[in-house]
């Protein structure tokens, strides 16, 4: 079929149709053109007018936004309209396939119904470029489903958002310019179950300055309104979802808030079975850069409210780089939660790591920091704690490798945990304390770790104050690099197993290794 074909009223095409270059359907406002049979068209504009297009299930392998004028040379308004029209053309389930290139956008057009896929060429191959200083860009958002009601609607299900990047900058010819945006997120994932988000990135390349003073780059869960009550808490449900190969980076000197916010601490929400992966260390990169006050790169913060839950969250193969605060903060995860962090590393911003630990666990239950995860310090490591467990946290397991910090791991007023960290400071970064328990830390088992490293450790394991009923056993401590293996002060009640002070070089128990602090 060639030439232009006006559609003045609702029209249904039942048979197979193939459009040739130059063919156009001009659909009048209020009219709907429906295709029930196989449809094929070149990747160019074939639909004009204000009317609507509908494809029956199976009519197309994938909907092409180019059919509505989407393109690298098109305006943001045209591209937004094309994104929206392509999404709305799907009847029950289907794919919107975006071409390779950089495309101007300005509106928030996420997946808003079940069984829809947005697919690009790759996270650096298909890029949405926005000059909007405050608006969200894309994502999976069940709160925008038709007829949404916070009290009665169910989350949307089985959605996929794959291979699309977001760049928050204006474009003037070939030059990026900085509009100094003040809010908005590159990607929002909200009120959706069984979703796959893969091969994405949000915001700008590593070597390009971009200012962002509020908001999160990737909101995995947020309600956007301070609604309370059991009915409204389901407004933020996210469950059984996988976020894979999601990258986010920025140059030093930029300014924005949380890069990844799994559960927004200010609002109500629940998360189950959320799996966050990077394809490898470089591909799972989050860097939070903020000049005023600092920010956490990866924030998992459940609100303090009855009935709110966030558990079975898995973070792997990620580089988490904070700015003046933490690389990874975990706060207020309630009893029954399960959060595993393995593979990758976390660090505070290199400009001033003294202002925040690499990993901070606050008032949370069921957190595991795996042995293949590394907590790193930075240039100003001298006052830095690599891992902090505090605020009544319980049932934690910390096994990660620690380098470059004043204190490797500090457990403060927390209990029922296992610490098996390996502290191996670099030659130019001596460590004051490897493992520190203070202020009532109790029932913590310290074993199966290593205290060694060319930088040296003044005290390997230190228990102070009212820390009680802790166990130290089978820790490999090198007397050549650890000045005092163990110090116990105050009223601590501690059990020492026979292998507590094992020489990593000669596999023997060290004589005189214990200093009871009396």
Protein backbone atom coordinates (compact mmCIF):
# COMPACT_ATOMS: atom_id res chain seq x y z
CA UNK A 1 0.00 0.00 0.00
CA UNK A 2 1.26 3.46 -0.94
CA UNK A 3 0.04 7.09 -0.79
CA UNK A 4 -2.04 8.78 1.92
CA UNK A 5 -5.25 7.30 3.33
CA UNK A 6 -7.52 9.48 5.49
CA UNK A 7 -9.35 7.75 8.35
CA UNK A 8 -12.34 9.87 9.39
CA UNK A 9 -14.12 7.34 11.66
CA UNK A 10 -13.40 4.12 13.55
CA UNK A 11 -12.01 1.59 11.08
CA UNK A 12 -10.91 -2.05 11.45
CA UNK A 13 -8.57 -3.78 8.99
CA UNK A 14 -8.92 -7.57 9.29
CA UNK A 15 -6.53 -8.90 6.67
CA UNK A 16 -2.75 -8.75 6.32
CA UNK A 17 -1.39 -5.37 5.31
CA UNK A 18 2.05 -4.25 4.13
CA UNK A 19 2.84 -0.56 3.76
CA UNK A 20 5.41 0.61 1.26
CA UNK A 21 7.61 3.69 1.73
CA UNK A 22 5.53 6.83 1.52
CA UNK A 23 2.24 5.26 2.64
CA UNK A 24 0.48 7.17 5.42
CA UNK A 25 -2.72 6.78 7.40
CA UNK A 26 -4.04 10.21 8.44
CA UNK A 27 -6.34 9.47 11.39
CA UNK A 28 -8.83 12.13 12.45
CA UNK A 29 -9.24 13.16 16.06
CA UNK A 30 -11.58 10.78 17.88
CA UNK A 31 -11.15 8.00 15.29
CA UNK A 32 -9.46 4.64 15.96
CA UNK A 33 -7.73 2.52 13.34
CA UNK A 34 -7.53 -1.14 14.41
CA UNK A 35 -5.42 -3.87 12.80
CA UNK A 36 -6.39 -7.46 13.60
CA UNK A 37 -4.26 -9.19 10.99
CA UNK A 38 -0.50 -9.13 10.32
CA UNK A 39 0.89 -5.61 9.90
CA UNK A 40 4.22 -4.63 8.34
CA UNK A 41 5.61 -1.16 7.59
CA UNK A 42 8.98 0.52 7.00
CA UNK A 43 10.65 2.28 9.92
CA UNK A 44 9.32 5.71 9.06
CA UNK A 45 6.23 7.76 9.86
CA UNK A 46 3.09 5.98 8.64
CA UNK A 47 0.53 7.40 11.10
CA UNK A 48 -0.42 11.08 11.25
CA UNK A 49 -3.33 12.95 12.78
CA UNK A 50 -4.73 13.02 16.29
CA UNK A 51 -6.52 9.66 16.12
CA UNK A 52 -5.54 6.38 17.75
CA UNK A 53 -4.01 3.13 16.44
CA UNK A 54 -4.68 -0.30 17.96
CA UNK A 55 -2.91 -3.58 17.15
CA UNK A 56 -4.67 -6.79 18.10
CA UNK A 57 -2.63 -9.38 19.97
CA UNK A 58 -0.16 -10.95 17.51
CA UNK A 59 -0.67 -8.43 14.72
CA UNK A 60 2.91 -7.16 14.99
CA UNK A 61 6.17 -8.68 16.21
CA UNK A 62 6.97 -5.32 17.81
CA UNK A 63 5.47 -1.84 17.67
CA UNK A 64 7.87 0.73 16.18
CA UNK A 65 7.62 4.28 17.56
CA UNK A 66 9.11 5.49 14.26
CA UNK A 67 5.63 4.86 12.77
CA UNK A 68 4.52 7.99 14.68
CA UNK A 69 7.61 10.05 13.79
CA UNK A 70 9.99 9.07 16.61
CA UNK A 71 13.55 9.86 15.57
CA UNK A 72 16.90 11.45 16.30
CA UNK A 73 15.93 14.56 14.31
CA UNK A 74 12.46 14.86 15.81
CA UNK A 75 11.48 17.29 18.57
CA UNK A 76 10.90 16.17 22.14
CA UNK A 77 7.15 16.78 21.67
CA UNK A 78 7.00 14.48 18.64
CA UNK A 79 9.08 11.79 20.34
CA UNK A 80 6.95 11.93 23.50
CA UNK A 81 3.75 11.62 21.46
CA UNK A 82 5.26 8.70 19.54
CA UNK A 83 6.32 6.90 22.73
CA UNK A 84 2.83 7.33 24.15
CA UNK A 85 1.03 6.29 20.95
CA UNK A 86 3.20 3.19 20.54
CA UNK A 87 2.54 2.15 24.14
CA UNK A 88 -1.21 2.70 23.83
CA UNK A 89 -1.42 0.75 20.55
CA UNK A 90 -0.82 -2.53 22.39
CA UNK A 91 -4.06 -4.35 23.24
CA UNK A 92 -3.10 -7.03 25.78
CA UNK A 93 0.63 -7.70 25.57
CA UNK A 94 3.43 -6.64 23.30
CA UNK A 95 6.78 -4.94 22.72
CA UNK A 96 7.68 -1.36 21.85
CA UNK A 97 11.09 -1.59 20.14
CA UNK A 98 13.15 1.61 20.08
CA UNK A 99 15.91 2.18 17.50
CA UNK A 100 19.54 2.98 18.19
CA UNK A 101 20.42 6.64 18.65
CA UNK A 102 19.95 9.60 20.98
CA UNK A 103 16.40 10.96 21.13
CA UNK A 104 15.07 14.14 22.72
CA UNK A 105 12.22 13.62 25.20
CA UNK A 106 10.56 15.82 27.82
CA UNK A 107 7.57 13.91 29.27
CA UNK A 108 7.33 10.95 31.63
CA UNK A 109 6.13 8.00 29.50
CA UNK A 110 6.68 4.75 31.45
CA UNK A 111 5.23 1.29 30.98
CA UNK A 112 1.83 1.59 32.68
CA UNK A 113 0.13 -1.76 32.01
CA UNK A 114 0.92 -5.43 32.50
CA UNK A 115 2.69 -7.53 29.85
CA UNK A 116 4.36 -4.63 28.02
CA UNK A 117 8.04 -4.49 27.07
CA UNK A 118 10.15 -1.43 26.21
CA UNK A 119 13.26 -2.65 24.37
CA UNK A 120 16.18 -0.62 23.03
CA UNK A 121 19.39 -1.59 21.26
CA UNK A 122 21.51 -1.32 24.42
CA UNK A 123 21.86 1.06 27.35
CA UNK A 124 24.42 3.11 25.43
CA UNK A 125 22.82 2.43 22.04
CA UNK A 126 19.31 3.78 22.70
CA UNK A 127 19.38 6.94 24.80
CA UNK A 128 16.55 9.22 25.86
CA UNK A 129 17.94 12.74 26.24
CA UNK A 130 15.89 15.18 28.31
CA UNK A 131 16.29 18.86 29.07
CA UNK A 132 13.47 18.71 31.64
CA UNK A 133 14.90 19.93 34.96
CA UNK A 134 12.29 18.29 37.19
CA UNK A 135 10.47 15.56 35.28
CA UNK A 136 10.82 11.79 35.44
CA UNK A 137 11.66 10.16 32.11
CA UNK A 138 10.81 6.47 31.85
CA UNK A 139 10.34 3.29 33.85
CA UNK A 140 7.66 0.84 34.98
CA UNK A 141 4.88 2.57 36.91
CA UNK A 142 1.72 0.77 37.98
CA UNK A 143 0.32 3.91 39.56
CA UNK A 144 -0.36 5.23 36.05
CA UNK A 145 -2.42 2.24 34.93
CA UNK A 146 -5.90 3.13 33.67
CA UNK A 147 -8.35 3.53 36.55
CA UNK A 148 -5.65 3.33 39.22
CA UNK A 149 -6.90 3.42 42.81
CA UNK A 150 -4.34 3.35 45.63
CA UNK A 151 -6.65 1.28 47.85
CA UNK A 152 -8.01 -1.28 45.39
CA UNK A 153 -5.76 -1.56 42.33
CA UNK A 154 -3.27 -4.42 41.95
CA UNK A 155 0.31 -3.84 40.79
CA UNK A 156 1.00 -4.29 37.10
CA UNK A 157 2.74 -7.57 36.27
CA UNK A 158 5.27 -9.16 33.90
CA UNK A 159 6.79 -6.00 32.42
CA UNK A 160 10.27 -5.57 30.93
CA UNK A 161 12.37 -2.47 30.37
CA UNK A 162 15.58 -3.41 28.56
CA UNK A 163 18.48 -1.64 26.88
CA UNK A 164 17.51 2.03 27.22
CA UNK A 165 19.62 4.82 28.67
CA UNK A 166 18.61 8.20 30.05
CA UNK A 167 20.70 11.33 29.75
CA UNK A 168 19.51 14.43 31.58
CA UNK A 169 20.98 17.24 29.49
CA UNK A 170 19.95 19.67 26.83
CA UNK A 171 21.37 19.21 23.36
CA UNK A 172 22.53 22.11 21.19
CA UNK A 173 23.92 20.81 17.90
CA UNK A 174 26.69 18.42 19.02
CA UNK A 175 27.31 20.06 22.38
CA UNK A 176 25.82 19.05 25.72
CA UNK A 177 24.85 21.98 27.92
CA UNK A 178 23.86 21.97 31.56
CA UNK A 179 20.35 23.18 32.43
CA UNK A 180 21.04 22.68 36.18
CA UNK A 181 18.04 20.44 36.82
CA UNK A 182 16.48 20.38 40.27
CA UNK A 183 14.66 17.06 40.50
CA UNK A 184 13.19 14.14 38.67
CA UNK A 185 14.43 10.62 38.05
CA UNK A 186 15.84 8.96 35.00
CA UNK A 187 14.07 5.72 35.79
CA UNK A 188 11.15 4.94 38.11
CA UNK A 189 10.09 1.42 39.10
CA UNK A 190 6.88 1.50 41.12
CA UNK A 191 3.85 -0.65 41.92
CA UNK A 192 4.94 -3.53 39.70
CA UNK A 193 5.59 -7.23 40.22
CA UNK A 194 7.68 -9.76 38.29
CA UNK A 195 9.46 -7.06 36.33
CA UNK A 196 12.77 -7.23 34.48
CA UNK A 197 14.90 -4.10 34.16
CA UNK A 198 18.10 -4.92 32.30
CA UNK A 199 20.96 -3.27 30.46
CA UNK A 200 20.05 0.29 31.39
CA UNK A 201 21.76 3.45 32.53
CA UNK A 202 20.45 6.72 33.90
CA UNK A 203 22.02 10.15 33.59
CA UNK A 204 25.28 11.23 32.13
CA UNK A 205 28.61 9.65 31.18
CA UNK A 206 31.39 9.56 33.74
CA UNK A 207 33.38 12.42 32.27
CA UNK A 208 30.57 14.91 31.82
CA UNK A 209 29.41 17.45 34.38
CA UNK A 210 25.72 17.41 35.23
CA UNK A 211 24.06 19.09 38.20
CA UNK A 212 21.18 17.43 40.01
CA UNK A 213 20.22 18.82 43.39
CA UNK A 214 17.36 16.59 44.46
CA UNK A 215 15.58 13.37 43.67
CA UNK A 216 16.93 9.91 42.94
CA UNK A 217 18.44 8.84 39.66
CA UNK A 218 16.80 5.42 39.89
CA UNK A 219 13.77 5.03 42.14
CA UNK A 220 13.08 1.33 42.53
CA UNK A 221 10.27 2.07 44.95
CA UNK A 222 8.65 5.31 46.02
CA UNK A 223 5.10 6.50 46.55
CA UNK A 224 5.68 10.16 45.72
CA UNK A 225 3.11 11.20 48.33
CA UNK A 226 3.12 10.96 52.11
CA UNK A 227 -0.02 8.84 52.27
CA UNK A 228 -0.40 6.63 55.33
CA UNK A 229 -2.65 3.78 56.36
CA UNK A 230 -2.73 0.09 55.46
CA UNK A 231 -4.73 0.59 52.28
CA UNK A 232 -2.40 3.17 50.83
CA UNK A 233 0.80 1.33 51.75
CA UNK A 234 0.20 -1.07 48.88
CA UNK A 235 0.67 1.98 46.66
CA UNK A 236 4.38 1.21 46.67
CA UNK A 237 4.49 -2.57 46.29
CA UNK A 238 7.39 -3.99 44.26
CA UNK A 239 8.01 -7.72 44.23
CA UNK A 240 9.82 -10.53 42.43
CA UNK A 241 11.72 -8.16 40.18
CA UNK A 242 15.19 -8.26 38.67
CA UNK A 243 17.25 -5.15 37.97
CA UNK A 244 20.31 -6.16 35.97
CA UNK A 245 23.22 -4.34 34.38
CA UNK A 246 21.99 -0.92 35.45
CA UNK A 247 24.73 1.72 35.35
CA UNK A 248 24.82 5.25 36.69
CA UNK A 249 27.81 7.53 36.84
CA UNK A 250 28.81 11.16 36.97
CA UNK A 251 31.90 13.29 37.09
CA UNK A 252 33.24 14.70 40.32
CA UNK A 253 31.76 18.12 40.93
CA UNK A 254 28.24 17.17 39.95
CA UNK A 255 25.46 17.40 42.44
CA UNK A 256 22.54 15.09 42.97
CA UNK A 257 20.88 12.96 45.62
CA UNK A 258 20.50 9.21 45.93
CA UNK A 259 21.45 7.30 42.84
CA UNK A 260 19.46 4.18 43.70
CA UNK A 261 16.63 4.37 46.22
CA UNK A 262 15.14 0.93 46.81
CA UNK A 263 12.57 1.91 49.41
CA UNK A 264 11.98 5.59 49.94
CA UNK A 265 12.38 6.23 53.66
CA UNK A 266 9.93 9.12 53.72
CA UNK A 267 6.92 7.26 52.42
CA UNK A 268 5.06 3.97 52.71
CA UNK A 269 5.99 0.98 50.63
CA UNK A 270 6.85 -2.69 50.55
CA UNK A 271 9.40 -4.66 48.56
CA UNK A 272 9.81 -8.40 48.18
CA UNK A 273 12.25 -10.39 46.13
CA UNK A 274 14.04 -7.52 44.40
CA UNK A 275 17.28 -8.65 42.76
CA UNK A 276 19.74 -5.95 41.72
CA UNK A 277 22.68 -7.03 39.58
CA UNK A 278 25.41 -5.47 37.50
CA UNK A 279 26.56 -7.46 34.52
CA UNK A 280 30.06 -7.05 35.91
CA UNK A 281 31.81 -4.58 38.19
CA UNK A 282 31.90 -1.84 35.61
CA UNK A 283 28.38 -2.38 34.34
CA UNK A 284 26.78 -2.29 37.75
CA UNK A 285 28.09 1.13 38.67
CA UNK A 286 26.38 3.69 40.87
CA UNK A 287 28.15 6.87 41.82
CA UNK A 288 26.49 9.54 43.91
CA UNK A 289 28.18 12.90 43.57
CA UNK A 290 26.94 15.90 45.50
CA UNK A 291 28.92 18.96 46.46
CA UNK A 292 26.70 20.18 49.30
CA UNK A 293 26.11 17.74 52.14
CA UNK A 294 26.85 14.49 50.38
CA UNK A 295 24.62 11.57 49.50
CA UNK A 296 24.38 7.79 49.57
CA UNK A 297 25.03 6.04 46.26
CA UNK A 298 22.75 3.08 46.97
CA UNK A 299 20.04 3.56 49.59
CA UNK A 300 17.82 0.79 50.94
CA UNK A 301 15.71 2.60 53.50
CA UNK A 302 12.39 1.25 54.77
CA UNK A 303 10.06 3.71 56.51
CA UNK A 304 9.42 3.20 60.20
CA UNK A 305 5.75 2.21 60.12
CA UNK A 306 3.72 -0.81 61.19
CA UNK A 307 3.23 -3.32 58.42
CA UNK A 308 5.87 -1.94 56.09
CA UNK A 309 8.24 -4.61 54.85
CA UNK A 310 11.28 -4.82 52.63
CA UNK A 311 12.97 -8.16 52.35
CA UNK A 312 14.58 -10.74 50.10
CA UNK A 313 16.59 -8.08 48.28
CA UNK A 314 19.79 -9.17 46.54
CA UNK A 315 22.52 -6.80 45.34
CA UNK A 316 25.39 -8.22 43.30
CA UNK A 317 28.22 -7.22 40.94
CA UNK A 318 27.83 -3.55 41.77
CA UNK A 319 30.25 -0.69 42.32
CA UNK A 320 28.69 1.67 44.87
CA UNK A 321 30.53 4.96 45.14
CA UNK A 322 29.15 7.63 47.47
CA UNK A 323 30.00 11.28 47.85
CA UNK A 324 30.80 12.47 51.40
CA UNK A 325 28.40 9.80 52.66
CA UNK A 326 28.00 6.07 52.20
CA UNK A 327 28.39 3.91 49.16
CA UNK A 328 25.67 1.62 50.55
CA UNK A 329 23.21 2.54 53.32
CA UNK A 330 20.70 0.04 54.73
CA UNK A 331 18.26 1.45 57.27
CA UNK A 332 15.13 0.34 59.12
CA UNK A 333 14.72 -3.07 57.48
CA UNK A 334 12.27 -4.81 59.85
CA UNK A 335 12.52 -8.23 61.45
CA UNK A 336 12.09 -10.95 58.86
CA UNK A 337 13.95 -9.04 56.18
CA UNK A 338 16.66 -10.71 54.11
CA UNK A 339 19.14 -8.60 52.16
CA UNK A 340 22.24 -10.09 50.58
CA UNK A 341 25.07 -7.98 49.16
CA UNK A 342 27.80 -9.90 47.34
CA UNK A 343 30.36 -9.24 44.63
CA UNK A 344 31.61 -5.75 43.95
CA UNK A 345 32.75 -2.94 46.19
CA UNK A 346 31.40 0.02 48.12
CA UNK A 347 33.21 3.23 48.96
CA UNK A 348 32.41 6.70 50.19
CA UNK A 349 33.29 9.64 47.99
CA UNK A 350 37.02 9.90 47.58
CA UNK A 351 36.99 13.60 48.44
CA UNK A 352 36.12 13.11 52.10
CA UNK A 353 35.37 9.53 53.16
CA UNK A 354 35.60 10.53 56.84
CA UNK A 355 32.02 11.78 56.55
CA UNK A 356 30.51 8.38 55.91
CA UNK A 357 31.33 4.66 56.10
CA UNK A 358 31.53 2.58 52.94
CA UNK A 359 28.67 0.40 54.18
CA UNK A 360 26.25 1.50 56.90
CA UNK A 361 23.65 -0.83 58.43
CA UNK A 362 21.22 0.96 60.77
CA UNK A 363 18.36 -0.62 62.77
CA UNK A 364 18.03 -3.40 60.20
CA UNK A 365 17.50 -7.13 60.37
CA UNK A 366 18.75 -9.93 58.16
CA UNK A 367 21.55 -8.18 56.24
CA UNK A 368 24.39 -10.19 54.68
CA UNK A 369 27.50 -8.51 53.23
CA UNK A 370 29.22 -11.31 51.32
CA UNK A 371 32.87 -12.30 51.37
CA UNK A 372 33.43 -11.30 47.75
CA UNK A 373 32.26 -7.75 48.48
CA UNK A 374 34.92 -5.14 49.24
CA UNK A 375 34.53 -2.08 51.45
CA UNK A 376 37.06 0.53 50.38
CA UNK A 377 38.28 3.73 51.89
CA UNK A 378 39.74 6.64 50.01
CA UNK A 379 42.51 9.21 50.16
CA UNK A 380 41.42 10.52 53.57
CA UNK A 381 41.04 7.11 55.15
CA UNK A 382 42.48 8.07 58.56
CA UNK A 383 39.10 8.70 60.27
CA UNK A 384 37.06 6.33 58.20
CA UNK A 385 35.06 3.26 59.26
CA UNK A 386 34.61 0.83 56.38
CA UNK A 387 31.52 -1.01 57.71
CA UNK A 388 29.25 0.28 60.47
CA UNK A 389 26.53 -1.87 62.08
CA UNK A 390 24.49 0.24 64.47
CA UNK A 391 21.15 1.30 65.91
CA UNK A 392 19.97 -2.07 67.17
CA UNK A 393 20.61 -4.08 64.01
CA UNK A 394 20.24 -7.84 64.42
CA UNK A 395 20.82 -11.13 62.62
CA UNK A 396 23.54 -9.71 60.38
CA UNK A 397 26.42 -11.45 58.62
CA UNK A 398 29.40 -9.37 57.47
CA UNK A 399 32.12 -11.27 55.62
CA UNK A 400 33.52 -8.68 53.23
CA UNK A 401 37.12 -7.68 52.54
CA UNK A 402 38.16 -4.31 53.96
CA UNK A 403 41.01 -2.04 52.89
CA UNK A 404 41.97 1.52 53.69
CA UNK A 405 40.13 2.51 56.88
CA UNK A 406 40.80 3.57 60.44
CA UNK A 407 38.34 0.91 61.66
CA UNK A 408 37.46 -2.12 59.57
CA UNK A 409 34.05 -2.92 61.07
CA UNK A 410 32.37 -1.24 64.04
CA UNK A 411 29.40 -3.01 65.68
CA UNK A 412 27.60 -0.61 67.99
CA UNK A 413 24.58 -1.57 70.14
CA UNK A 414 23.65 -4.44 67.81
CA UNK A 415 23.34 -8.17 68.32
CA UNK A 416 22.97 -11.68 66.94
CA UNK A 417 25.52 -11.31 64.22
CA UNK A 418 28.47 -13.02 62.58
CA UNK A 419 31.61 -11.04 61.69
CA UNK A 420 34.08 -12.78 59.40
CA UNK A 421 35.71 -9.81 57.75
CA UNK A 422 39.22 -9.77 56.36
CA UNK A 423 41.06 -6.53 57.09
CA UNK A 424 44.15 -6.17 54.95
CA UNK A 425 45.23 -2.50 54.88
CA UNK A 426 47.53 -1.25 52.15
CA UNK A 427 51.08 -0.20 52.97
CA UNK A 428 50.21 3.51 53.00
CA UNK A 429 46.94 3.05 54.93
CA UNK A 430 47.55 1.61 58.42
CA UNK A 431 44.47 0.56 60.38
CA UNK A 432 43.77 1.38 64.03
CA UNK A 433 41.22 -1.41 64.72
CA UNK A 434 40.12 -4.32 62.60
CA UNK A 435 36.94 -5.35 64.47
CA UNK A 436 35.34 -3.16 67.14
CA UNK A 437 32.34 -4.03 69.37
CA UNK A 438 30.94 -1.25 71.58
CA UNK A 439 27.92 -0.01 73.54
CA UNK A 440 26.17 -3.25 74.32
CA UNK A 441 26.97 -5.17 71.18
CA UNK A 442 26.06 -8.72 72.17
CA UNK A 443 25.91 -12.28 70.92
CA UNK A 444 28.23 -11.50 68.05
CA UNK A 445 30.36 -14.35 66.73
CA UNK A 446 33.75 -13.21 65.39
CA UNK A 447 35.44 -15.98 63.42
CA UNK A 448 36.84 -17.21 60.13
CA UNK A 449 38.44 -13.92 59.10
CA UNK A 450 41.92 -12.54 58.47
CA UNK A 451 43.74 -9.61 60.10
CA UNK A 452 46.87 -8.91 58.12
CA UNK A 453 48.28 -6.55 55.51
CA UNK A 454 51.38 -4.46 54.86
CA UNK A 455 49.78 -1.31 56.32
CA UNK A 456 49.58 -2.89 59.75
CA UNK A 457 46.78 -2.95 62.36
CA UNK A 458 47.28 -1.47 65.84
CA UNK A 459 44.55 -3.65 67.40
CA UNK A 460 43.03 -6.65 65.70
CA UNK A 461 39.80 -7.15 67.71
CA UNK A 462 38.57 -4.76 70.39
CA UNK A 463 35.58 -5.20 72.74
CA UNK A 464 34.63 -2.23 74.88
CA UNK A 465 31.99 -1.19 77.41
CA UNK A 466 29.01 -3.42 78.04
CA UNK A 467 29.41 -5.69 75.04
CA UNK A 468 28.38 -9.12 76.30
CA UNK A 469 28.16 -12.78 75.37
CA UNK A 470 30.31 -12.48 72.29
CA UNK A 471 32.47 -15.24 70.83
CA UNK A 472 35.91 -14.89 69.28
CA UNK A 473 37.12 -17.98 67.52
CA UNK A 474 39.50 -19.17 64.84
CA UNK A 475 40.57 -15.79 63.51
CA UNK A 476 43.77 -15.65 61.49
CA UNK A 477 45.87 -12.83 62.97
CA UNK A 478 49.39 -12.12 61.76
CA UNK A 479 51.57 -10.99 64.71
CA UNK A 480 53.98 -9.41 62.27
CA UNK A 481 51.40 -6.86 61.13
CA UNK A 482 48.95 -6.71 64.09
CA UNK A 483 50.48 -5.05 67.15
CA UNK A 484 47.86 -6.26 69.68
CA UNK A 485 45.60 -9.04 68.44
CA UNK A 486 42.76 -8.72 71.00
CA UNK A 487 41.77 -6.14 73.63
CA UNK A 488 38.80 -6.64 75.96
CA UNK A 489 37.81 -3.70 78.18
CA UNK A 490 35.14 -3.14 80.84
CA UNK A 491 32.44 -5.68 81.64
CA UNK A 492 32.47 -7.73 78.47
CA UNK A 493 31.63 -11.42 78.80
CA UNK A 494 33.49 -13.10 75.98
CA UNK A 495 34.12 -16.70 74.98
CA UNK A 496 37.49 -17.41 73.38
CA UNK A 497 37.85 -20.60 71.38
CA UNK A 498 41.13 -22.47 71.08
CA UNK A 499 41.95 -21.11 67.64
CA UNK A 500 41.36 -17.47 68.49
CA UNK A 501 44.88 -16.20 67.80
CA UNK A 502 46.15 -18.20 64.89
CA UNK A 503 49.37 -17.17 63.21
CA UNK A 504 48.64 -17.00 59.49
CA UNK A 505 52.28 -17.74 58.74
CA UNK A 506 52.89 -20.73 61.00
CA UNK A 507 49.36 -21.91 61.89
CA UNK A 508 49.98 -21.88 65.63
CA UNK A 509 48.27 -20.25 68.61
CA UNK A 510 50.09 -17.08 69.63
CA UNK A 511 51.40 -16.75 73.16
CA UNK A 512 50.40 -13.64 75.09
CA UNK A 513 48.03 -12.44 72.43
CA UNK A 514 45.28 -11.30 74.80
CA UNK A 515 45.24 -7.91 76.51
CA UNK A 516 42.31 -7.81 78.96
CA UNK A 517 42.61 -4.04 79.39
CA UNK A 518 42.85 -4.23 83.21
